[in-house]
Amino acid sequence: MIRDLSRHLKARSILSLGQRDDPRSGDQVSYINTHEVRITADEIQLQDNGGRPYRATMVDVTVDITTSGVDGLDTGTKAPETWYHLWVISRPRGFVKGLLSTSSSNPTLPPGYNRKAYVGAIYNNRDDYFVSYYQNDKLAWADKSCPLAMAAFPDTPTSVDLSASVPSTAISVILELSGLTTIGGHFGSSIYVGPTSNGPWHNQIMMIAGTSQGAGNIDHVQLVTQSEVILDSSQQMFAYVGSPNDRLELHVLGWRY
């Protein structure tokens, strides 16, 4: 099977603008409060619209979504349940600053600024607050979100919407899987997760409560584990369970770019 990787290649080309020159000195994004984040990097490479590179060092900027323009939101006003992408920007003679934008590829740069580097994204939740998270290089670790609450889940491949849990630029999602079963007797069942409806699948085995532990057909939490799934489609993964009696709950802990 040959899959369309254009989305991933596009994301990688965007992210390369913010790649470090020195692999030992990564960029970091840290939550400050409900409307501010801090971006730091020892070294980062920006580019102008013509692709000409510019190396910035000792970057340390704070962006505030309640502010407009430089070190704030590029256009419009903040909105709940929205992803905001983080950019480092600069003028021709330096003056490195930050910017927030709903665009992951083409933010509206303030007058006089012609260089940019993509460094990540943060979610503004339904309460109109930034979700607490920390990013080191291309790995983000966020407040736990729940795209799928505990419920009976199909035993055939089914899509899971991650649009409120990972940004569109994420290439993988880090999950906490919780399984629940009602099967009695000494049996095993599984949770399967994968990037497409055709897999490839990674499975986590749930050991079912046996009759030696009591009567069968009693709900019993069997599994809590972590997994990472590559995303073939933006903000979407697939899962299924080994038996119609099984239930599944997913929590998102973070993602990679």
C-alpha atoms as a PDB file:
ATOM      1  CA  MET A   1       0.000   0.000   0.000  1.00  0.00           C
ATOM      2  CA  ILE A   2       1.311   3.453  -0.961  1.00  0.00           C
ATOM      3  CA  ARG A   3      -0.053   6.261   1.170  1.00  0.00           C
ATOM      4  CA  ASP A   4      -0.256   9.969   0.383  1.00  0.00           C
ATOM      5  CA  LEU A   5       2.429  11.562   2.534  1.00  0.00           C
ATOM      6  CA  SER A   6       2.028  15.088   1.148  1.00  0.00           C
ATOM      7  CA  ARG A   7       0.500  16.367   4.387  1.00  0.00           C
ATOM      8  CA  HIS A   8       3.448  15.106   6.406  1.00  0.00           C
ATOM      9  CA  LEU A   9       5.981  16.417   3.905  1.00  0.00           C
ATOM     10  CA  LYS A  10       4.299  19.813   4.004  1.00  0.00           C
ATOM     11  CA  ALA A  11       4.326  19.818   7.790  1.00  0.00           C
ATOM     12  CA  ARG A  12       7.980  18.833   7.836  1.00  0.00           C
ATOM     13  CA  SER A  13       8.887  21.614   5.380  1.00  0.00           C
ATOM     14  CA  ILE A  14       7.160  24.147   7.620  1.00  0.00           C
ATOM     15  CA  LEU A  15       8.804  22.817  10.751  1.00  0.00           C
ATOM     16  CA  SER A  16      12.244  22.820   9.166  1.00  0.00           C
ATOM     17  CA  LEU A  17      12.127  26.604   9.244  1.00  0.00           C
ATOM     18  CA  GLY A  18      12.343  26.386  12.997  1.00  0.00           C
ATOM     19  CA  GLN A  19      14.923  23.627  13.151  1.00  0.00           C
ATOM     20  CA  ARG A  20      17.883  24.130  15.411  1.00  0.00           C
ATOM     21  CA  ASP A  21      21.350  24.648  13.983  1.00  0.00           C
ATOM     22  CA  ASP A  22      22.813  22.878  17.019  1.00  0.00           C
ATOM     23  CA  PRO A  23      20.992  19.596  17.843  1.00  0.00           C
ATOM     24  CA  ARG A  24      21.993  19.970  21.488  1.00  0.00           C
ATOM     25  CA  SER A  25      20.144  23.260  21.965  1.00  0.00           C
ATOM     26  CA  GLY A  26      16.404  22.913  21.311  1.00  0.00           C
ATOM     27  CA  ASP A  27      13.549  25.310  21.285  1.00  0.00           C
ATOM     28  CA  GLN A  28      11.072  25.222  24.148  1.00  0.00           C
ATOM     29  CA  VAL A  29       7.557  26.534  24.555  1.00  0.00           C
ATOM     30  CA  SER A  30       6.167  26.857  28.056  1.00  0.00           C
ATOM     31  CA  TYR A  31       2.783  27.861  29.405  1.00  0.00           C
ATOM     32  CA  ILE A  32       2.816  31.014  31.544  1.00  0.00           C
ATOM     33  CA  ASN A  33      -0.879  31.610  32.221  1.00  0.00           C
ATOM     34  CA  THR A  34      -4.292  31.446  30.552  1.00  0.00           C
ATOM     35  CA  HIS A  35      -3.300  33.860  27.771  1.00  0.00           C
ATOM     36  CA  GLU A  36       0.528  33.834  27.540  1.00  0.00           C
ATOM     37  CA  VAL A  37       3.243  31.410  26.478  1.00  0.00           C
ATOM     38  CA  ARG A  38       7.020  31.765  26.408  1.00  0.00           C
ATOM     39  CA  ILE A  39       9.214  30.650  23.485  1.00  0.00           C
ATOM     40  CA  THR A  40      12.948  30.143  24.014  1.00  0.00           C
ATOM     41  CA  ALA A  41      15.719  28.764  21.808  1.00  0.00           C
ATOM     42  CA  ASP A  42      19.498  28.878  21.818  1.00  0.00           C
ATOM     43  CA  GLU A  43      19.435  28.888  18.024  1.00  0.00           C
ATOM     44  CA  ILE A  44      16.654  28.902  15.454  1.00  0.00           C
ATOM     45  CA  GLN A  45      16.511  29.356  11.688  1.00  0.00           C
ATOM     46  CA  LEU A  46      13.931  31.680  10.154  1.00  0.00           C
ATOM     47  CA  GLN A  47      13.208  32.227   6.459  1.00  0.00           C
ATOM     48  CA  ASP A  48      11.749  35.011   4.378  1.00  0.00           C
ATOM     49  CA  ASN A  49       9.230  34.479   1.584  1.00  0.00           C
ATOM     50  CA  GLY A  50      12.050  33.842  -0.862  1.00  0.00           C
ATOM     51  CA  GLY A  51      13.434  31.023   1.263  1.00  0.00           C
ATOM     52  CA  ARG A  52      16.514  32.925   2.385  1.00  0.00           C
ATOM     53  CA  PRO A  53      17.572  31.735   5.839  1.00  0.00           C
ATOM     54  CA  TYR A  54      18.328  33.828   8.889  1.00  0.00           C
ATOM     55  CA  ARG A  55      19.898  32.458  12.054  1.00  0.00           C
ATOM     56  CA  ALA A  56      18.665  33.893  15.354  1.00  0.00           C
ATOM     57  CA  THR A  57      20.327  33.123  18.676  1.00  0.00           C
ATOM     58  CA  MET A  58      19.316  33.407  22.326  1.00  0.00           C
ATOM     59  CA  VAL A  59      15.636  33.725  21.478  1.00  0.00           C
ATOM     60  CA  ASP A  60      13.361  34.509  24.437  1.00  0.00           C
ATOM     61  CA  VAL A  61       9.931  35.941  23.626  1.00  0.00           C
ATOM     62  CA  THR A  62       6.531  35.928  25.330  1.00  0.00           C
ATOM     63  CA  VAL A  63       3.357  36.011  23.248  1.00  0.00           C
ATOM     64  CA  ASP A  64       0.002  37.179  24.595  1.00  0.00           C
ATOM     65  CA  ILE A  65      -3.206  36.293  22.778  1.00  0.00           C
ATOM     66  CA  THR A  66      -4.955  39.365  24.227  1.00  0.00           C
ATOM     67  CA  THR A  67      -2.454  41.575  22.343  1.00  0.00           C
ATOM     68  CA  SER A  68      -2.604  42.363  18.632  1.00  0.00           C
ATOM     69  CA  GLY A  69       0.370  42.243  16.262  1.00  0.00           C
ATOM     70  CA  VAL A  70       3.947  41.809  17.490  1.00  0.00           C
ATOM     71  CA  ASP A  71       4.121  39.334  20.400  1.00  0.00           C
ATOM     72  CA  GLY A  72       0.378  38.832  20.055  1.00  0.00           C
ATOM     73  CA  LEU A  73      -2.321  37.635  17.652  1.00  0.00           C
ATOM     74  CA  ASP A  74      -1.737  38.405  13.977  1.00  0.00           C
ATOM     75  CA  THR A  75      -5.346  39.215  13.029  1.00  0.00           C
ATOM     76  CA  GLY A  76      -8.800  39.229  14.621  1.00  0.00           C
ATOM     77  CA  THR A  77      -9.605  38.430  18.223  1.00  0.00           C
ATOM     78  CA  LYS A  78      -9.148  35.224  20.194  1.00  0.00           C
ATOM     79  CA  ALA A  79     -11.851  32.572  19.988  1.00  0.00           C
ATOM     80  CA  PRO A  80     -12.615  29.557  22.186  1.00  0.00           C
ATOM     81  CA  GLU A  81     -12.065  26.000  20.959  1.00  0.00           C
ATOM     82  CA  THR A  82      -9.404  27.146  18.519  1.00  0.00           C
ATOM     83  CA  TRP A  83      -5.806  26.117  17.830  1.00  0.00           C
ATOM     84  CA  TYR A  84      -3.280  28.944  17.661  1.00  0.00           C
ATOM     85  CA  HIS A  85       0.023  28.344  15.937  1.00  0.00           C
ATOM     86  CA  LEU A  86       3.207  29.804  17.357  1.00  0.00           C
ATOM     87  CA  TRP A  87       5.747  31.651  15.244  1.00  0.00           C
ATOM     88  CA  VAL A  88       9.072  33.350  15.819  1.00  0.00           C
ATOM     89  CA  ILE A  89       9.371  36.386  13.532  1.00  0.00           C
ATOM     90  CA  SER A  90      11.993  39.040  12.838  1.00  0.00           C
ATOM     91  CA  ARG A  91      12.815  42.189  10.899  1.00  0.00           C
ATOM     92  CA  PRO A  92      15.654  42.372   8.366  1.00  0.00           C
ATOM     93  CA  ARG A  93      18.020  43.706  11.030  1.00  0.00           C
ATOM     94  CA  GLY A  94      16.988  41.407  13.843  1.00  0.00           C
ATOM     95  CA  PHE A  95      14.385  42.407  16.453  1.00  0.00           C
ATOM     96  CA  VAL A  96      13.220  38.824  17.041  1.00  0.00           C
ATOM     97  CA  LYS A  97       9.655  38.600  18.340  1.00  0.00           C
ATOM     98  CA  GLY A  98       6.764  36.139  18.561  1.00  0.00           C
ATOM     99  CA  LEU A  99       3.379  35.789  16.892  1.00  0.00           C
ATOM    100  CA  LEU A 100       0.185  33.752  17.272  1.00  0.00           C
ATOM    101  CA  SER A 101      -1.938  32.818  14.280  1.00  0.00           C
ATOM    102  CA  THR A 102      -4.716  30.441  13.292  1.00  0.00           C
ATOM    103  CA  SER A 103      -2.567  29.704  10.220  1.00  0.00           C
ATOM    104  CA  SER A 104       0.016  26.929  10.336  1.00  0.00           C
ATOM    105  CA  SER A 105       1.628  28.021   7.077  1.00  0.00           C
ATOM    106  CA  ASN A 106       1.043  31.694   6.283  1.00  0.00           C
ATOM    107  CA  PRO A 107       0.575  34.025   9.278  1.00  0.00           C
ATOM    108  CA  THR A 108      -0.080  37.712   8.706  1.00  0.00           C
ATOM    109  CA  LEU A 109       3.232  39.320   9.582  1.00  0.00           C
ATOM    110  CA  PRO A 110       3.256  42.767  11.209  1.00  0.00           C
ATOM    111  CA  PRO A 111       4.606  45.658   9.111  1.00  0.00           C
ATOM    112  CA  GLY A 112       8.392  45.523   8.803  1.00  0.00           C
ATOM    113  CA  TYR A 113       8.671  41.819   9.659  1.00  0.00           C
ATOM    114  CA  ASN A 114       9.613  39.519   6.793  1.00  0.00           C
ATOM    115  CA  ARG A 115      11.009  36.344   8.401  1.00  0.00           C
ATOM    116  CA  LYS A 116       9.302  33.544  10.279  1.00  0.00           C
ATOM    117  CA  ALA A 117       9.813  30.117  11.827  1.00  0.00           C
ATOM    118  CA  TYR A 118       7.080  27.757  12.961  1.00  0.00           C
ATOM    119  CA  VAL A 119       7.595  26.447  16.496  1.00  0.00           C
ATOM    120  CA  GLY A 120       4.336  24.815  17.627  1.00  0.00           C
ATOM    121  CA  ALA A 121       0.685  25.301  18.574  1.00  0.00           C
ATOM    122  CA  ILE A 122      -1.480  25.799  21.654  1.00  0.00           C
ATOM    123  CA  TYR A 123      -5.204  25.211  22.196  1.00  0.00           C
ATOM    124  CA  ASN A 124      -7.589  27.878  23.473  1.00  0.00           C
ATOM    125  CA  ASN A 125     -10.294  25.824  25.201  1.00  0.00           C
ATOM    126  CA  ARG A 126     -14.060  26.216  25.501  1.00  0.00           C
ATOM    127  CA  ASP A 127     -13.588  28.467  28.533  1.00  0.00           C
ATOM    128  CA  ASP A 128     -11.433  30.761  26.344  1.00  0.00           C
ATOM    129  CA  TYR A 129      -8.225  29.844  28.190  1.00  0.00           C
ATOM    130  CA  PHE A 130      -4.955  28.412  26.929  1.00  0.00           C
ATOM    131  CA  VAL A 131      -4.510  24.748  27.823  1.00  0.00           C
ATOM    132  CA  SER A 132      -1.458  24.242  30.026  1.00  0.00           C
ATOM    133  CA  TYR A 133       1.350  22.502  28.159  1.00  0.00           C
ATOM    134  CA  TYR A 134       5.111  22.274  27.754  1.00  0.00           C
ATOM    135  CA  GLN A 135       7.010  21.659  24.534  1.00  0.00           C
ATOM    136  CA  ASN A 136      10.630  20.605  24.125  1.00  0.00           C
ATOM    137  CA  ASP A 137      11.777  20.646  20.503  1.00  0.00           C
ATOM    138  CA  LYS A 138       9.085  18.706  18.555  1.00  0.00           C
ATOM    139  CA  LEU A 139       7.541  16.956  21.577  1.00  0.00           C
ATOM    140  CA  ALA A 140       4.563  18.558  23.368  1.00  0.00           C
ATOM    141  CA  TRP A 141       3.145  17.432  26.731  1.00  0.00           C
ATOM    142  CA  ALA A 142      -0.256  18.916  27.564  1.00  0.00           C
ATOM    143  CA  ASP A 143      -3.051  18.814  30.091  1.00  0.00           C
ATOM    144  CA  LYS A 144      -4.863  15.532  29.590  1.00  0.00           C
ATOM    145  CA  SER A 145      -7.819  15.763  27.197  1.00  0.00           C
ATOM    146  CA  CYS A 146     -10.489  13.149  26.525  1.00  0.00           C
ATOM    147  CA  PRO A 147     -11.568  12.794  22.896  1.00  0.00           C
ATOM    148  CA  LEU A 148     -13.354   9.540  23.745  1.00  0.00           C
ATOM    149  CA  ALA A 149     -15.061   8.927  27.092  1.00  0.00           C
ATOM    150  CA  MET A 150     -15.553   5.385  28.396  1.00  0.00           C
ATOM    151  CA  ALA A 151     -18.229   3.748  26.259  1.00  0.00           C
ATOM    152  CA  ALA A 152     -18.951   0.606  24.292  1.00  0.00           C
ATOM    153  CA  PHE A 153     -16.742   0.755  21.208  1.00  0.00           C
ATOM    154  CA  PRO A 154     -17.071  -0.994  17.827  1.00  0.00           C
ATOM    155  CA  ASP A 155     -15.108  -4.164  17.123  1.00  0.00           C
ATOM    156  CA  THR A 156     -14.359  -2.896  13.602  1.00  0.00           C
ATOM    157  CA  PRO A 157     -11.930  -0.058  12.705  1.00  0.00           C
ATOM    158  CA  THR A 158     -13.514   3.273  13.659  1.00  0.00           C
ATOM    159  CA  SER A 159     -12.172   6.815  13.345  1.00  0.00           C
ATOM    160  CA  VAL A 160     -11.500   8.924  16.432  1.00  0.00           C
ATOM    161  CA  ASP A 161     -11.658  12.726  16.118  1.00  0.00           C
ATOM    162  CA  LEU A 162      -8.621  14.393  17.726  1.00  0.00           C
ATOM    163  CA  SER A 163      -9.300  17.960  16.557  1.00  0.00           C
ATOM    164  CA  ALA A 164      -9.617  19.333  20.104  1.00  0.00           C
ATOM    165  CA  SER A 165      -6.629  17.337  21.365  1.00  0.00           C
ATOM    166  CA  VAL A 166      -3.792  17.757  18.848  1.00  0.00           C
ATOM    167  CA  PRO A 167      -3.008  20.499  16.302  1.00  0.00           C
ATOM    168  CA  SER A 168      -3.263  19.996  12.551  1.00  0.00           C
ATOM    169  CA  THR A 169       0.548  19.942  12.332  1.00  0.00           C
ATOM    170  CA  ALA A 170       0.946  16.971  14.699  1.00  0.00           C
ATOM    171  CA  ILE A 171       2.385  13.845  13.059  1.00  0.00           C
ATOM    172  CA  SER A 172       1.685  11.574  16.038  1.00  0.00           C
ATOM    173  CA  VAL A 173      -0.425  11.478  19.186  1.00  0.00           C
ATOM    174  CA  ILE A 174       0.575  10.192  22.630  1.00  0.00           C
ATOM    175  CA  LEU A 175      -2.315   8.345  24.260  1.00  0.00           C
ATOM    176  CA  GLU A 176      -3.450   6.824  27.499  1.00  0.00           C
ATOM    177  CA  LEU A 177      -5.718   3.857  26.747  1.00  0.00           C
ATOM    178  CA  SER A 178      -8.252   2.582  29.269  1.00  0.00           C
ATOM    179  CA  GLY A 179     -10.127  -0.671  28.684  1.00  0.00           C
ATOM    180  CA  LEU A 180     -13.178  -2.110  30.373  1.00  0.00           C
ATOM    181  CA  THR A 181     -14.771  -5.477  29.711  1.00  0.00           C
ATOM    182  CA  THR A 182     -17.815  -7.465  30.789  1.00  0.00           C
ATOM    183  CA  ILE A 183     -16.617 -10.876  29.606  1.00  0.00           C
ATOM    184  CA  GLY A 184     -16.403 -13.574  32.296  1.00  0.00           C
ATOM    185  CA  GLY A 185     -14.098 -16.577  32.393  1.00  0.00           C
ATOM    186  CA  HIS A 186     -10.389 -16.835  31.616  1.00  0.00           C
ATOM    187  CA  PHE A 187     -10.230 -14.980  28.333  1.00  0.00           C
ATOM    188  CA  GLY A 188      -8.168 -12.226  26.779  1.00  0.00           C
ATOM    189  CA  SER A 189      -9.289  -9.318  24.676  1.00  0.00           C
ATOM    190  CA  SER A 190      -7.475  -6.437  23.026  1.00  0.00           C
ATOM    191  CA  ILE A 191      -7.553  -2.749  22.133  1.00  0.00           C
ATOM    192  CA  TYR A 192      -6.200  -1.932  18.673  1.00  0.00           C
ATOM    193  CA  VAL A 193      -4.963   1.505  17.571  1.00  0.00           C
ATOM    194  CA  GLY A 194      -3.535   2.598  14.228  1.00  0.00           C
ATOM    195  CA  PRO A 195      -3.064   5.473  11.767  1.00  0.00           C
ATOM    196  CA  THR A 196      -5.539   4.270   9.110  1.00  0.00           C
ATOM    197  CA  SER A 197      -8.618   2.087   8.855  1.00  0.00           C
ATOM    198  CA  ASN A 198      -6.329  -0.608   7.456  1.00  0.00           C
ATOM    199  CA  GLY A 199      -3.721  -0.341  10.214  1.00  0.00           C
ATOM    200  CA  PRO A 200      -0.992  -1.248  10.746  1.00  0.00           C
ATOM    201  CA  TRP A 201      -2.316  -2.049  14.203  1.00  0.00           C
ATOM    202  CA  HIS A 202      -0.719  -2.024  17.620  1.00  0.00           C
ATOM    203  CA  ASN A 203      -2.698  -3.966  20.164  1.00  0.00           C
ATOM    204  CA  GLN A 204      -2.793  -3.981  23.953  1.00  0.00           C
ATOM    205  CA  ILE A 205      -4.097  -7.204  25.530  1.00  0.00           C
ATOM    206  CA  MET A 206      -6.723  -7.002  28.253  1.00  0.00           C
ATOM    207  CA  MET A 207      -6.789  -9.992  30.604  1.00  0.00           C
ATOM    208  CA  ILE A 208     -10.353 -10.713  31.575  1.00  0.00           C
ATOM    209  CA  ALA A 209     -11.407 -11.392  35.165  1.00  0.00           C
ATOM    210  CA  GLY A 210     -11.611 -15.157  35.624  1.00  0.00           C
ATOM    211  CA  THR A 211     -14.199 -17.188  37.483  1.00  0.00           C
ATOM    212  CA  SER A 212     -11.627 -17.821  40.206  1.00  0.00           C
ATOM    213  CA  GLN A 213     -11.903 -14.124  41.027  1.00  0.00           C
ATOM    214  CA  GLY A 214     -15.669 -14.214  41.256  1.00  0.00           C
ATOM    215  CA  ALA A 215     -18.694 -14.623  39.031  1.00  0.00           C
ATOM    216  CA  GLY A 216     -18.268 -13.694  35.371  1.00  0.00           C
ATOM    217  CA  ASN A 217     -19.970 -10.885  33.449  1.00  0.00           C
ATOM    218  CA  ILE A 218     -18.885  -8.241  35.960  1.00  0.00           C
ATOM    219  CA  ASP A 219     -17.420  -4.967  34.713  1.00  0.00           C
ATOM    220  CA  HIS A 220     -13.751  -4.932  35.494  1.00  0.00           C
ATOM    221  CA  VAL A 221     -11.093  -2.356  34.572  1.00  0.00           C
ATOM    222  CA  GLN A 222      -8.470  -4.428  32.805  1.00  0.00           C
ATOM    223  CA  LEU A 223      -5.994  -2.054  31.216  1.00  0.00           C
ATOM    224  CA  VAL A 224      -4.508   1.416  31.526  1.00  0.00           C
ATOM    225  CA  THR A 225      -1.481   1.928  29.297  1.00  0.00           C
ATOM    226  CA  GLN A 226       0.215   4.474  27.071  1.00  0.00           C
ATOM    227  CA  SER A 227       0.774   4.341  23.335  1.00  0.00           C
ATOM    228  CA  GLU A 228       1.915   6.599  20.496  1.00  0.00           C
ATOM    229  CA  VAL A 229       0.159   6.523  17.127  1.00  0.00           C
ATOM    230  CA  ILE A 230       1.374   8.084  13.876  1.00  0.00           C
ATOM    231  CA  LEU A 231      -1.308  10.266  12.256  1.00  0.00           C
ATOM    232  CA  ASP A 232      -1.842   9.547   8.563  1.00  0.00           C
ATOM    233  CA  SER A 233      -4.759  12.003   8.378  1.00  0.00           C
ATOM    234  CA  SER A 234      -4.749  15.316  10.186  1.00  0.00           C
ATOM    235  CA  GLN A 235      -6.192  15.095  13.729  1.00  0.00           C
ATOM    236  CA  GLN A 236      -7.581  11.593  13.174  1.00  0.00           C
ATOM    237  CA  MET A 237      -6.681   8.073  14.238  1.00  0.00           C
ATOM    238  CA  PHE A 238      -8.443   4.702  14.226  1.00  0.00           C
ATOM    239  CA  ALA A 239      -9.236   2.137  16.882  1.00  0.00           C
ATOM    240  CA  TYR A 240     -11.297  -0.966  17.573  1.00  0.00           C
ATOM    241  CA  VAL A 241     -11.759  -3.511  20.360  1.00  0.00           C
ATOM    242  CA  GLY A 242     -11.527  -7.283  20.343  1.00  0.00           C
ATOM    243  CA  SER A 243     -15.075  -8.000  21.496  1.00  0.00           C
ATOM    244  CA  PRO A 244     -18.470  -6.232  21.380  1.00  0.00           C
ATOM    245  CA  ASN A 245     -18.440  -6.457  25.189  1.00  0.00           C
ATOM    246  CA  ASP A 246     -15.385  -4.227  25.463  1.00  0.00           C
ATOM    247  CA  ARG A 247     -15.396  -0.534  26.245  1.00  0.00           C
ATOM    248  CA  LEU A 248     -12.715   2.005  25.420  1.00  0.00           C
ATOM    249  CA  GLU A 249     -11.599   5.392  26.729  1.00  0.00           C
ATOM    250  CA  LEU A 250      -8.849   7.539  25.215  1.00  0.00           C
ATOM    251  CA  HIS A 251      -6.946  10.389  26.838  1.00  0.00           C
ATOM    252  CA  VAL A 252      -4.442  12.482  24.902  1.00  0.00           C
ATOM    253  CA  LEU A 253      -1.283  13.353  26.829  1.00  0.00           C
ATOM    254  CA  GLY A 254       0.680  15.069  24.075  1.00  0.00           C
ATOM    255  CA  TRP A 255       1.880  14.963  20.465  1.00  0.00           C
ATOM    256  CA  ARG A 256       4.897  15.276  18.166  1.00  0.00           C
ATOM    257  CA  TYR A 257       5.457  17.576  15.204  1.00  0.00           C
END
